[in-house]
Amino acid sequence: MTDDREIIQTIRTQTLNLIQQITAQPKPSYELDGQKVTWTEYLARLVDVVNWCDQRLAADTPCEIRSLGLT
């Protein structure tokens, strides 16, 4: 069974692959039968997903804080 961290990493990887495909062969925005396709908005949403994944992964990453007390 996969844990949440692995799922988020998979989502991040898949989203980055989509971003790579979109930016490799950019397409114009268009409207067809009343349905609007705006590639820049789609790309922005994908970037938001990657940022969300990064935040979740960073929040789940253990960290160590060292401090020094002076007397």
Protein backbone atom coordinates (compact mmCIF):
# COMPACT_ATOMS: atom_id res chain seq x y z
CA MET A 1 0.00 0.00 0.00
CA THR A 2 1.35 3.41 -0.89
CA ASP A 3 1.43 6.22 1.59
CA ASP A 4 0.34 9.82 1.03
CA ARG A 5 3.89 11.00 0.40
CA GLU A 6 4.33 8.57 -2.49
CA ILE A 7 0.97 9.60 -3.96
CA ILE A 8 1.91 13.28 -3.78
CA GLN A 9 5.29 12.55 -5.39
CA THR A 10 3.52 10.67 -8.18
CA ILE A 11 1.07 13.55 -8.74
CA ARG A 12 4.00 15.98 -8.85
CA THR A 13 5.91 13.86 -11.37
CA GLN A 14 2.86 13.40 -13.61
CA THR A 15 2.08 17.11 -13.51
CA LEU A 16 5.67 18.04 -14.37
CA ASN A 17 5.47 15.66 -17.34
CA LEU A 18 2.31 17.43 -18.54
CA ILE A 19 4.01 20.81 -18.17
CA GLN A 20 6.95 19.54 -20.19
CA GLN A 21 4.64 18.35 -22.99
CA ILE A 22 2.67 21.60 -23.06
CA THR A 23 5.72 23.84 -23.14
CA ALA A 24 7.55 21.69 -25.71
CA GLN A 25 4.79 22.24 -28.27
CA PRO A 26 2.78 25.31 -27.24
CA LYS A 27 -0.71 25.62 -28.67
CA PRO A 28 -2.89 28.68 -29.12
CA SER A 29 -6.00 29.22 -27.04
CA TYR A 30 -9.26 28.69 -28.91
CA GLU A 31 -13.03 28.38 -28.64
CA LEU A 32 -14.93 25.49 -30.20
CA ASP A 33 -18.69 25.00 -29.97
CA GLY A 34 -18.87 27.37 -27.02
CA GLN A 35 -16.10 25.60 -25.12
CA LYS A 36 -13.06 27.75 -24.42
CA VAL A 37 -9.59 26.19 -24.17
CA THR A 38 -7.03 28.54 -22.64
CA TRP A 39 -3.63 26.91 -22.49
CA THR A 40 -2.05 29.63 -20.34
CA GLU A 41 -4.70 29.11 -17.64
CA TYR A 42 -4.24 25.35 -17.86
CA LEU A 43 -0.48 25.74 -17.49
CA ALA A 44 -0.97 28.05 -14.49
CA ARG A 45 -3.21 25.45 -12.82
CA LEU A 46 -0.61 22.76 -13.39
CA VAL A 47 2.07 24.97 -11.84
CA ASP A 48 -0.27 25.49 -8.86
CA VAL A 49 -0.54 21.71 -8.47
CA VAL A 50 3.25 21.34 -8.46
CA ASN A 51 3.54 24.13 -5.88
CA TRP A 52 0.90 22.45 -3.69
CA CYS A 53 2.78 19.15 -3.92
CA ASP A 54 6.05 20.89 -2.99
CA GLN A 55 4.40 22.48 0.05
CA ARG A 56 2.91 19.18 1.19
CA LEU A 57 6.18 17.33 0.76
CA ALA A 58 8.11 20.05 2.60
CA ALA A 59 5.61 20.00 5.45
CA ASP A 60 6.00 16.24 5.82
CA THR A 61 9.80 16.34 5.71
CA PRO A 62 11.34 16.04 9.16
CA CYS A 63 13.72 18.78 10.11
CA GLU A 64 16.22 19.38 12.84
CA ILE A 65 16.63 22.69 14.63
CA ARG A 66 19.80 23.32 16.57
CA SER A 67 20.10 26.16 18.98
CA LEU A 68 22.71 27.33 21.42
CA GLY A 69 21.80 28.89 24.71
CA LEU A 70 24.20 31.34 26.25
CA THR A 71 24.42 31.79 30.01
